[in-house]
Amino acid sequence: MILRVLGSAAGGGSPQWNCGCPVCTAVRSPAGLARTQSSIAVSADRRRWFLINASPDIRAQIEAFPGLHPHGDRTTPLEAVLLTDAELDHTLGLLLLREARALLLYATPAVHETLSAGSGILRTLERYCPVDWRTVTPGARLALADGLSCRAFDVPTTKRARFGPGRTTAASWATG
């Protein structure tokens, strides 16, 4: 398994636009190193890549990693996106992927409900490209590609649901 960390900062990246804490101030210095929001790419063969989350920084993350660059016209090695939750920090990048011929998304029914009926991200995305939604059941093994599978598991949260009454239960992914 090949894993590439595309971004490792919390929501908003580092530095955060509205923060003057010592860390953000240090990152803004000439010697500082900014970080994009959290997202990773996983592959078994370096030809087919799976994103875990699609941060709002996804365009810059793809440009910084040649393994995700397109081949020829608009053929890309991006196979699918696995969503751990419906947080904006993990899903807004889907809208930047709207020029795809089609998108394959994996997530729990709660995430699907939130992105459809709550935030509306999925409804907007579907107006640009076909979206193939694959339901993920926490605890069940999910085969992604030859030599690559994952298993989602529930992560309890005390965060309030921001997009209506639907649950926004998070799922973390274990790959291998």
N, C-alpha and C. Protein backbone atom coordinates (compact mmCIF):
# COMPACT_ATOMS: atom_id res chain seq x y z
N MET A 1 0.85 -1.17 0.00
CA MET A 1 0.00 0.00 0.00
C MET A 1 0.89 1.24 0.00
N ILE A 2 0.53 2.20 -0.83
CA ILE A 2 1.23 3.47 -0.89
C ILE A 2 0.28 4.53 -0.36
N LEU A 3 0.74 5.30 0.59
CA LEU A 3 -0.09 6.34 1.19
C LEU A 3 0.64 7.67 1.04
N ARG A 4 -0.07 8.66 0.54
CA ARG A 4 0.51 10.00 0.37
C ARG A 4 -0.34 10.99 1.17
N VAL A 5 0.27 11.65 2.13
CA VAL A 5 -0.42 12.70 2.88
C VAL A 5 -0.46 13.94 1.99
N LEU A 6 -1.66 14.34 1.62
CA LEU A 6 -1.83 15.52 0.78
C LEU A 6 -1.94 16.79 1.61
N GLY A 7 -2.54 16.67 2.78
CA GLY A 7 -2.69 17.80 3.68
C GLY A 7 -2.85 17.29 5.10
N SER A 8 -2.33 18.02 6.06
CA SER A 8 -2.36 17.54 7.45
C SER A 8 -2.86 18.57 8.45
N ALA A 9 -3.33 19.71 7.97
CA ALA A 9 -3.79 20.75 8.89
C ALA A 9 -5.28 20.60 9.16
N ALA A 10 -5.72 21.20 10.24
CA ALA A 10 -7.14 21.21 10.58
C ALA A 10 -7.89 22.10 9.60
N GLY A 11 -9.19 22.21 9.79
CA GLY A 11 -10.02 23.04 8.93
C GLY A 11 -9.47 24.45 8.81
N GLY A 12 -9.40 24.94 7.59
CA GLY A 12 -8.86 26.28 7.36
C GLY A 12 -7.40 26.26 6.99
N GLY A 13 -6.72 25.14 7.20
CA GLY A 13 -5.30 25.07 6.90
C GLY A 13 -4.46 25.74 7.96
N SER A 14 -3.18 25.81 7.69
CA SER A 14 -2.27 26.46 8.63
C SER A 14 -1.30 27.32 7.82
N PRO A 15 -1.34 28.63 7.99
CA PRO A 15 -2.05 29.34 9.05
C PRO A 15 -3.53 29.53 8.71
N GLN A 16 -4.32 29.66 9.76
CA GLN A 16 -5.73 29.98 9.56
C GLN A 16 -5.83 31.46 9.25
N TRP A 17 -6.73 31.81 8.36
CA TRP A 17 -6.84 33.19 7.88
C TRP A 17 -7.17 34.17 9.00
N ASN A 18 -7.84 33.70 10.05
CA ASN A 18 -8.30 34.60 11.11
C ASN A 18 -7.58 34.38 12.43
N CYS A 19 -6.37 33.86 12.38
CA CYS A 19 -5.68 33.51 13.62
C CYS A 19 -4.29 34.15 13.69
N GLY A 20 -3.98 34.68 14.85
CA GLY A 20 -2.67 35.26 15.08
C GLY A 20 -1.94 34.57 16.22
N CYS A 21 -2.31 33.31 16.49
CA CYS A 21 -1.64 32.56 17.56
C CYS A 21 -0.17 32.37 17.21
N PRO A 22 0.67 31.93 18.16
CA PRO A 22 2.09 31.75 17.87
C PRO A 22 2.37 30.79 16.71
N VAL A 23 1.59 29.73 16.57
CA VAL A 23 1.83 28.77 15.48
C VAL A 23 1.53 29.43 14.14
N CYS A 24 0.35 30.06 14.01
CA CYS A 24 -0.01 30.71 12.75
C CYS A 24 0.95 31.85 12.40
N THR A 25 1.37 32.58 13.40
CA THR A 25 2.33 33.66 13.18
C THR A 25 3.65 33.10 12.67
N ALA A 26 4.11 32.00 13.26
CA ALA A 26 5.36 31.37 12.82
C ALA A 26 5.24 30.86 11.39
N VAL A 27 4.10 30.29 11.03
CA VAL A 27 3.91 29.79 9.68
C VAL A 27 3.93 30.93 8.67
N ARG A 28 3.48 32.10 9.06
CA ARG A 28 3.49 33.27 8.16
C ARG A 28 4.87 33.88 7.99
N SER A 29 5.81 33.49 8.80
CA SER A 29 7.16 34.05 8.70
C SER A 29 7.84 33.50 7.43
N PRO A 30 8.92 34.17 6.97
CA PRO A 30 9.60 33.69 5.76
C PRO A 30 10.07 32.23 5.86
N ALA A 31 10.40 31.77 7.06
CA ALA A 31 10.86 30.39 7.22
C ALA A 31 9.71 29.42 7.47
N GLY A 32 8.49 29.94 7.59
CA GLY A 32 7.34 29.10 7.90
C GLY A 32 6.92 28.21 6.74
N LEU A 33 6.24 27.14 7.06
CA LEU A 33 5.77 26.19 6.06
C LEU A 33 4.27 26.00 6.23
N ALA A 34 3.51 26.55 5.30
CA ALA A 34 2.05 26.43 5.36
C ALA A 34 1.64 24.98 5.08
N ARG A 35 0.50 24.59 5.64
CA ARG A 35 -0.03 23.24 5.42
C ARG A 35 -1.47 23.35 4.92
N THR A 36 -1.82 22.48 3.99
CA THR A 36 -3.19 22.42 3.50
C THR A 36 -4.03 21.52 4.41
N GLN A 37 -5.35 21.59 4.20
CA GLN A 37 -6.28 20.85 5.05
C GLN A 37 -6.18 19.34 4.82
N SER A 38 -6.62 18.58 5.81
CA SER A 38 -6.39 17.14 5.83
C SER A 38 -7.04 16.39 4.67
N SER A 39 -6.23 15.56 4.03
CA SER A 39 -6.65 14.68 2.95
C SER A 39 -5.48 13.75 2.66
N ILE A 40 -5.78 12.51 2.30
CA ILE A 40 -4.71 11.59 1.91
C ILE A 40 -5.11 10.84 0.65
N ALA A 41 -4.11 10.31 -0.05
CA ALA A 41 -4.33 9.48 -1.23
C ALA A 41 -3.71 8.11 -0.94
N VAL A 42 -4.40 7.05 -1.37
CA VAL A 42 -3.95 5.68 -1.12
C VAL A 42 -4.02 4.91 -2.43
N SER A 43 -3.02 4.06 -2.66
CA SER A 43 -2.99 3.24 -3.86
C SER A 43 -2.31 1.91 -3.56
N ALA A 44 -2.67 0.90 -4.32
CA ALA A 44 -1.98 -0.38 -4.22
C ALA A 44 -0.95 -0.53 -5.33
N ASP A 45 -1.10 0.26 -6.40
CA ASP A 45 -0.26 0.06 -7.58
C ASP A 45 0.34 1.33 -8.18
N ARG A 46 0.14 2.46 -7.55
CA ARG A 46 0.60 3.77 -8.03
C ARG A 46 -0.07 4.19 -9.34
N ARG A 47 -1.08 3.46 -9.79
CA ARG A 47 -1.82 3.83 -11.01
C ARG A 47 -3.25 4.26 -10.69
N ARG A 48 -3.86 3.63 -9.72
CA ARG A 48 -5.24 3.93 -9.31
C ARG A 48 -5.19 4.47 -7.88
N TRP A 49 -5.66 5.71 -7.69
CA TRP A 49 -5.58 6.36 -6.39
C TRP A 49 -6.97 6.61 -5.81
N PHE A 50 -7.07 6.46 -4.51
CA PHE A 50 -8.29 6.70 -3.76
C PHE A 50 -8.02 7.83 -2.78
N LEU A 51 -8.87 8.85 -2.82
CA LEU A 51 -8.74 9.95 -1.86
C LEU A 51 -9.54 9.62 -0.62
N ILE A 52 -8.98 9.90 0.52
CA ILE A 52 -9.75 9.86 1.76
C ILE A 52 -9.98 11.32 2.12
N ASN A 53 -11.22 11.73 1.90
CA ASN A 53 -11.71 13.10 2.05
C ASN A 53 -11.24 13.97 0.89
N ALA A 54 -12.01 15.00 0.62
CA ALA A 54 -11.70 15.95 -0.45
C ALA A 54 -11.77 17.35 0.16
N SER A 55 -10.64 17.82 0.62
CA SER A 55 -10.59 19.12 1.30
C SER A 55 -10.78 20.25 0.30
N PRO A 56 -11.11 21.44 0.78
CA PRO A 56 -11.20 22.60 -0.11
C PRO A 56 -9.87 22.91 -0.80
N ASP A 57 -8.78 22.33 -0.34
CA ASP A 57 -7.46 22.54 -0.92
C ASP A 57 -7.11 21.49 -1.98
N ILE A 58 -8.07 20.70 -2.43
CA ILE A 58 -7.78 19.54 -3.27
C ILE A 58 -7.06 19.90 -4.56
N ARG A 59 -7.38 21.02 -5.18
CA ARG A 59 -6.70 21.39 -6.42
C ARG A 59 -5.21 21.55 -6.19
N ALA A 60 -4.83 22.31 -5.17
CA ALA A 60 -3.42 22.52 -4.87
C ALA A 60 -2.75 21.21 -4.47
N GLN A 61 -3.49 20.34 -3.76
CA GLN A 61 -2.93 19.06 -3.34
C GLN A 61 -2.66 18.16 -4.54
N ILE A 62 -3.57 18.14 -5.50
CA ILE A 62 -3.37 17.35 -6.72
C ILE A 62 -2.18 17.89 -7.51
N GLU A 63 -2.09 19.20 -7.64
CA GLU A 63 -0.98 19.79 -8.38
C GLU A 63 0.37 19.52 -7.71
N ALA A 64 0.39 19.39 -6.40
CA ALA A 64 1.64 19.14 -5.67
C ALA A 64 2.05 17.68 -5.70
N PHE A 65 1.19 16.79 -6.20
CA PHE A 65 1.49 15.35 -6.21
C PHE A 65 1.34 14.79 -7.63
N PRO A 66 2.44 14.59 -8.35
CA PRO A 66 2.38 14.10 -9.73
C PRO A 66 1.61 12.79 -9.90
N GLY A 67 1.52 11.98 -8.88
CA GLY A 67 0.78 10.72 -8.98
C GLY A 67 -0.70 10.92 -9.28
N LEU A 68 -1.22 12.11 -9.00
CA LEU A 68 -2.63 12.40 -9.27
C LEU A 68 -2.84 13.27 -10.51
N HIS A 69 -1.77 13.58 -11.23
CA HIS A 69 -1.91 14.41 -12.43
C HIS A 69 -2.63 13.64 -13.54
N PRO A 70 -3.37 14.34 -14.40
CA PRO A 70 -4.09 13.68 -15.50
C PRO A 70 -3.13 13.14 -16.56
N HIS A 71 -3.62 12.15 -17.31
CA HIS A 71 -2.87 11.55 -18.43
C HIS A 71 -3.64 11.89 -19.70
N GLY A 72 -2.99 12.53 -20.63
CA GLY A 72 -3.67 12.85 -21.88
C GLY A 72 -4.78 13.86 -21.69
N ASP A 73 -5.91 13.59 -22.30
CA ASP A 73 -7.00 14.57 -22.29
C ASP A 73 -7.51 14.84 -20.87
N ARG A 74 -8.46 14.10 -20.37
CA ARG A 74 -8.99 14.32 -19.02
C ARG A 74 -9.05 13.02 -18.24
N THR A 75 -8.19 12.10 -18.58
CA THR A 75 -8.13 10.84 -17.85
C THR A 75 -7.24 11.02 -16.62
N THR A 76 -7.77 10.71 -15.46
CA THR A 76 -6.99 10.86 -14.24
C THR A 76 -6.87 9.54 -13.51
N PRO A 77 -5.87 9.42 -12.67
CA PRO A 77 -5.72 8.20 -11.87
C PRO A 77 -6.60 8.19 -10.63
N LEU A 78 -7.44 9.22 -10.45
CA LEU A 78 -8.32 9.27 -9.30
C LEU A 78 -9.47 8.30 -9.50
N GLU A 79 -9.48 7.26 -8.71
CA GLU A 79 -10.47 6.19 -8.83
C GLU A 79 -11.75 6.51 -8.07
N ALA A 80 -11.63 7.01 -6.84
CA ALA A 80 -12.81 7.26 -6.00
C ALA A 80 -12.41 8.15 -4.82
N VAL A 81 -13.44 8.65 -4.13
CA VAL A 81 -13.26 9.43 -2.91
C VAL A 81 -14.00 8.73 -1.78
N LEU A 82 -13.30 8.51 -0.68
CA LEU A 82 -13.89 7.91 0.52
C LEU A 82 -14.05 9.03 1.54
N LEU A 83 -15.27 9.22 2.00
CA LEU A 83 -15.54 10.31 2.94
C LEU A 83 -15.66 9.78 4.35
N THR A 84 -14.96 10.41 5.27
CA THR A 84 -15.04 9.99 6.67
C THR A 84 -16.21 10.61 7.40
N ASP A 85 -16.71 11.74 6.88
CA ASP A 85 -17.85 12.42 7.49
C ASP A 85 -18.36 13.45 6.50
N ALA A 86 -19.32 14.26 6.92
CA ALA A 86 -19.90 15.27 6.03
C ALA A 86 -19.43 16.68 6.36
N GLU A 87 -18.38 16.80 7.15
CA GLU A 87 -17.85 18.12 7.50
C GLU A 87 -17.40 18.85 6.24
N LEU A 88 -17.58 20.16 6.21
CA LEU A 88 -17.17 20.95 5.06
C LEU A 88 -15.67 20.80 4.77
N ASP A 89 -14.88 20.68 5.82
CA ASP A 89 -13.43 20.54 5.65
C ASP A 89 -13.06 19.28 4.87
N HIS A 90 -13.96 18.30 4.84
CA HIS A 90 -13.70 17.03 4.17
C HIS A 90 -14.49 16.84 2.89
N THR A 91 -15.41 17.76 2.57
CA THR A 91 -16.29 17.54 1.42
C THR A 91 -16.33 18.68 0.41
N LEU A 92 -15.95 19.88 0.77
CA LEU A 92 -16.03 21.00 -0.18
C LEU A 92 -15.18 20.77 -1.43
N GLY A 93 -14.12 20.01 -1.30
CA GLY A 93 -13.28 19.70 -2.45
C GLY A 93 -14.00 18.91 -3.52
N LEU A 94 -15.10 18.23 -3.15
CA LEU A 94 -15.88 17.51 -4.15
C LEU A 94 -16.37 18.46 -5.24
N LEU A 95 -16.74 19.66 -4.84
CA LEU A 95 -17.23 20.64 -5.82
C LEU A 95 -16.12 21.05 -6.79
N LEU A 96 -14.87 21.00 -6.35
CA LEU A 96 -13.76 21.32 -7.23
C LEU A 96 -13.46 20.17 -8.20
N LEU A 97 -13.96 18.99 -7.89
CA LEU A 97 -13.78 17.82 -8.76
C LEU A 97 -14.93 17.68 -9.76
N ARG A 98 -15.79 18.67 -9.84
CA ARG A 98 -17.01 18.61 -10.65
C ARG A 98 -16.76 18.44 -12.14
N GLU A 99 -15.57 18.73 -12.62
CA GLU A 99 -15.26 18.59 -14.04
C GLU A 99 -14.90 17.16 -14.42
N ALA A 100 -14.99 16.25 -13.47
CA ALA A 100 -14.70 14.84 -13.76
C ALA A 100 -15.75 14.28 -14.71
N ARG A 101 -15.38 13.25 -15.43
CA ARG A 101 -16.36 12.56 -16.28
C ARG A 101 -17.43 11.92 -15.40
N ALA A 102 -17.02 11.46 -14.24
CA ALA A 102 -17.92 10.87 -13.24
C ALA A 102 -17.12 10.76 -11.95
N LEU A 103 -17.83 10.72 -10.83
CA LEU A 103 -17.17 10.56 -9.53
C LEU A 103 -17.78 9.37 -8.81
N LEU A 104 -16.90 8.56 -8.24
CA LEU A 104 -17.31 7.45 -7.41
C LEU A 104 -17.04 7.84 -5.97
N LEU A 105 -18.10 7.85 -5.15
CA LEU A 105 -18.00 8.25 -3.75
C LEU A 105 -18.40 7.10 -2.84
N TYR A 106 -17.63 6.91 -1.75
CA TYR A 106 -17.93 5.93 -0.73
C TYR A 106 -18.17 6.65 0.60
N ALA A 107 -19.27 6.34 1.26
CA ALA A 107 -19.54 6.90 2.59
C ALA A 107 -20.76 6.22 3.20
N THR A 108 -20.98 6.50 4.45
CA THR A 108 -22.12 5.94 5.17
C THR A 108 -23.42 6.60 4.71
N PRO A 109 -24.56 5.95 4.97
CA PRO A 109 -25.85 6.56 4.65
C PRO A 109 -26.05 7.92 5.34
N ALA A 110 -25.55 8.07 6.56
CA ALA A 110 -25.69 9.36 7.27
C ALA A 110 -24.95 10.47 6.54
N VAL A 111 -23.77 10.18 6.01
CA VAL A 111 -23.02 11.18 5.26
C VAL A 111 -23.77 11.50 3.96
N HIS A 112 -24.27 10.48 3.28
CA HIS A 112 -25.05 10.70 2.06
C HIS A 112 -26.25 11.60 2.33
N GLU A 113 -26.97 11.33 3.39
CA GLU A 113 -28.15 12.13 3.75
C GLU A 113 -27.77 13.58 4.01
N THR A 114 -26.70 13.79 4.74
CA THR A 114 -26.27 15.15 5.06
C THR A 114 -25.83 15.90 3.81
N LEU A 115 -25.08 15.24 2.93
CA LEU A 115 -24.61 15.90 1.72
C LEU A 115 -25.74 16.15 0.72
N SER A 116 -26.80 15.34 0.78
CA SER A 116 -27.93 15.51 -0.12
C SER A 116 -28.94 16.52 0.43
N ALA A 117 -29.47 16.22 1.60
CA ALA A 117 -30.57 17.01 2.15
C ALA A 117 -30.11 18.13 3.07
N GLY A 118 -28.94 18.01 3.63
CA GLY A 118 -28.46 19.02 4.57
C GLY A 118 -27.69 20.13 3.89
N SER A 119 -26.44 19.87 3.56
CA SER A 119 -25.58 20.90 2.97
C SER A 119 -25.90 21.14 1.50
N GLY A 120 -26.46 20.16 0.82
CA GLY A 120 -26.76 20.30 -0.60
C GLY A 120 -25.56 20.10 -1.51
N ILE A 121 -24.42 19.75 -0.96
CA ILE A 121 -23.20 19.58 -1.77
C ILE A 121 -23.41 18.52 -2.85
N LEU A 122 -24.01 17.41 -2.49
CA LEU A 122 -24.19 16.33 -3.46
C LEU A 122 -25.17 16.73 -4.57
N ARG A 123 -26.24 17.42 -4.21
CA ARG A 123 -27.20 17.86 -5.23
C ARG A 123 -26.53 18.81 -6.22
N THR A 124 -25.68 19.69 -5.72
CA THR A 124 -24.97 20.62 -6.60
C THR A 124 -23.98 19.87 -7.48
N LEU A 125 -23.21 18.98 -6.91
CA LEU A 125 -22.21 18.20 -7.65
C LEU A 125 -22.86 17.40 -8.78
N GLU A 126 -24.02 16.80 -8.50
CA GLU A 126 -24.70 15.97 -9.50
C GLU A 126 -25.19 16.78 -10.70
N ARG A 127 -25.27 18.08 -10.60
CA ARG A 127 -25.65 18.92 -11.74
C ARG A 127 -24.48 19.10 -12.71
N TYR A 128 -23.27 18.76 -12.27
CA TYR A 128 -22.08 18.90 -13.11
C TYR A 128 -21.57 17.59 -13.67
N CYS A 129 -21.64 16.53 -12.89
CA CYS A 129 -21.12 15.24 -13.35
C CYS A 129 -21.91 14.11 -12.69
N PRO A 130 -21.92 12.95 -13.34
CA PRO A 130 -22.57 11.80 -12.72
C PRO A 130 -21.83 11.40 -11.45
N VAL A 131 -22.59 11.07 -10.41
CA VAL A 131 -22.02 10.64 -9.14
C VAL A 131 -22.52 9.24 -8.84
N ASP A 132 -21.61 8.31 -8.68
CA ASP A 132 -21.95 6.94 -8.30
C ASP A 132 -21.69 6.81 -6.81
N TRP A 133 -22.76 6.66 -6.05
CA TRP A 133 -22.67 6.60 -4.59
C TRP A 133 -22.63 5.15 -4.14
N ARG A 134 -21.63 4.79 -3.34
CA ARG A 134 -21.50 3.44 -2.78
C ARG A 134 -21.64 3.52 -1.27
N THR A 135 -22.59 2.78 -0.75
CA THR A 135 -22.86 2.78 0.68
C THR A 135 -21.79 1.99 1.42
N VAL A 136 -21.32 2.57 2.51
CA VAL A 136 -20.32 1.93 3.36
C VAL A 136 -20.99 1.56 4.67
N THR A 137 -20.77 0.33 5.08
CA THR A 137 -21.29 -0.15 6.36
C THR A 137 -20.13 -0.27 7.34
N PRO A 138 -20.15 0.51 8.42
CA PRO A 138 -19.06 0.40 9.39
C PRO A 138 -18.90 -1.05 9.88
N GLY A 139 -17.65 -1.48 9.93
CA GLY A 139 -17.32 -2.83 10.37
C GLY A 139 -17.18 -3.82 9.24
N ALA A 140 -17.76 -3.54 8.08
CA ALA A 140 -17.68 -4.46 6.95
C ALA A 140 -16.46 -4.14 6.09
N ARG A 141 -15.79 -5.19 5.63
CA ARG A 141 -14.63 -5.02 4.75
C ARG A 141 -15.13 -4.56 3.39
N LEU A 142 -14.41 -3.60 2.80
CA LEU A 142 -14.77 -3.04 1.50
C LEU A 142 -13.56 -3.17 0.58
N ALA A 143 -13.69 -3.99 -0.47
CA ALA A 143 -12.62 -4.15 -1.44
C ALA A 143 -12.64 -2.95 -2.38
N LEU A 144 -11.50 -2.29 -2.55
CA LEU A 144 -11.41 -1.11 -3.41
C LEU A 144 -10.73 -1.43 -4.74
N ALA A 145 -9.62 -2.13 -4.68
CA ALA A 145 -8.84 -2.48 -5.86
C ALA A 145 -8.00 -3.70 -5.49
N ASP A 146 -7.40 -4.31 -6.50
CA ASP A 146 -6.53 -5.45 -6.21
C ASP A 146 -5.50 -5.05 -5.16
N GLY A 147 -5.49 -5.75 -4.04
CA GLY A 147 -4.51 -5.49 -2.99
C GLY A 147 -4.87 -4.34 -2.07
N LEU A 148 -6.05 -3.77 -2.20
CA LEU A 148 -6.41 -2.64 -1.36
C LEU A 148 -7.87 -2.78 -0.91
N SER A 149 -8.03 -2.77 0.40
CA SER A 149 -9.38 -2.81 0.97
C SER A 149 -9.38 -1.91 2.20
N CYS A 150 -10.57 -1.65 2.71
CA CYS A 150 -10.66 -0.83 3.90
C CYS A 150 -11.84 -1.30 4.75
N ARG A 151 -11.88 -0.79 5.95
CA ARG A 151 -12.96 -1.08 6.88
C ARG A 151 -13.26 0.21 7.63
N ALA A 152 -14.46 0.71 7.49
CA ALA A 152 -14.86 1.92 8.20
C ALA A 152 -15.31 1.55 9.61
N PHE A 153 -15.12 2.46 10.53
CA PHE A 153 -15.62 2.24 11.89
C PHE A 153 -16.16 3.55 12.43
N ASP A 154 -17.22 3.44 13.22
CA ASP A 154 -17.86 4.63 13.79
C ASP A 154 -16.94 5.33 14.78
N VAL A 155 -17.00 6.63 14.76
CA VAL A 155 -16.26 7.47 15.69
C VAL A 155 -17.28 8.34 16.41
N PRO A 156 -17.45 8.12 17.71
CA PRO A 156 -18.42 8.96 18.43
C PRO A 156 -18.00 10.43 18.39
N THR A 157 -19.00 11.29 18.31
CA THR A 157 -18.71 12.73 18.26
C THR A 157 -19.71 13.49 19.12
N THR A 158 -19.25 14.58 19.65
CA THR A 158 -20.14 15.46 20.41
C THR A 158 -20.46 16.71 19.62
N LYS A 159 -19.97 16.78 18.36
CA LYS A 159 -20.25 17.93 17.51
C LYS A 159 -21.74 17.97 17.19
N ARG A 160 -22.27 19.17 17.14
CA ARG A 160 -23.67 19.32 16.79
C ARG A 160 -23.83 19.17 15.28
N ALA A 161 -24.98 18.63 14.87
CA ALA A 161 -25.28 18.52 13.45
C ALA A 161 -25.56 19.92 12.92
N ARG A 162 -24.85 20.33 11.90
CA ARG A 162 -24.99 21.69 11.39
C ARG A 162 -26.00 21.80 10.25
N PHE A 163 -26.36 20.69 9.64
CA PHE A 163 -27.22 20.72 8.47
C PHE A 163 -28.50 19.94 8.69
N GLY A 164 -29.31 20.37 9.65
CA GLY A 164 -30.59 19.75 9.89
C GLY A 164 -30.51 18.59 10.86
N PRO A 165 -31.61 17.86 10.96
CA PRO A 165 -31.69 16.82 11.98
C PRO A 165 -30.93 15.55 11.64
N GLY A 166 -30.48 15.40 10.39
CA GLY A 166 -29.78 14.18 10.00
C GLY A 166 -28.51 13.95 10.80
N ARG A 167 -28.22 12.70 11.07
CA ARG A 167 -26.99 12.37 11.78
C ARG A 167 -25.79 12.66 10.90
N THR A 168 -24.70 13.06 11.49
CA THR A 168 -23.46 13.26 10.75
C THR A 168 -22.38 12.37 11.34
N THR A 169 -22.76 11.14 11.66
CA THR A 169 -21.84 10.19 12.24
C THR A 169 -20.57 10.07 11.38
N ALA A 170 -19.45 10.19 12.01
CA ALA A 170 -18.18 10.08 11.30
C ALA A 170 -17.78 8.62 11.20
N ALA A 171 -17.01 8.31 10.20
CA ALA A 171 -16.42 6.98 10.06
C ALA A 171 -14.95 7.21 9.75
N SER A 172 -14.09 6.53 10.46
CA SER A 172 -12.68 6.58 10.11
C SER A 172 -12.38 5.33 9.29
N TRP A 173 -11.30 5.36 8.54
CA TRP A 173 -10.99 4.27 7.64
C TRP A 173 -9.68 3.61 8.02
N ALA A 174 -9.70 2.31 8.02
CA ALA A 174 -8.47 1.54 8.19
C ALA A 174 -8.25 0.84 6.86
N THR A 175 -7.08 1.02 6.26
CA THR A 175 -6.81 0.41 4.97
C THR A 175 -5.77 -0.68 5.10
N GLY A 176 -5.68 -1.49 4.08
CA GLY A 176 -4.68 -2.52 4.05
C GLY A 176 -5.21 -3.80 3.49
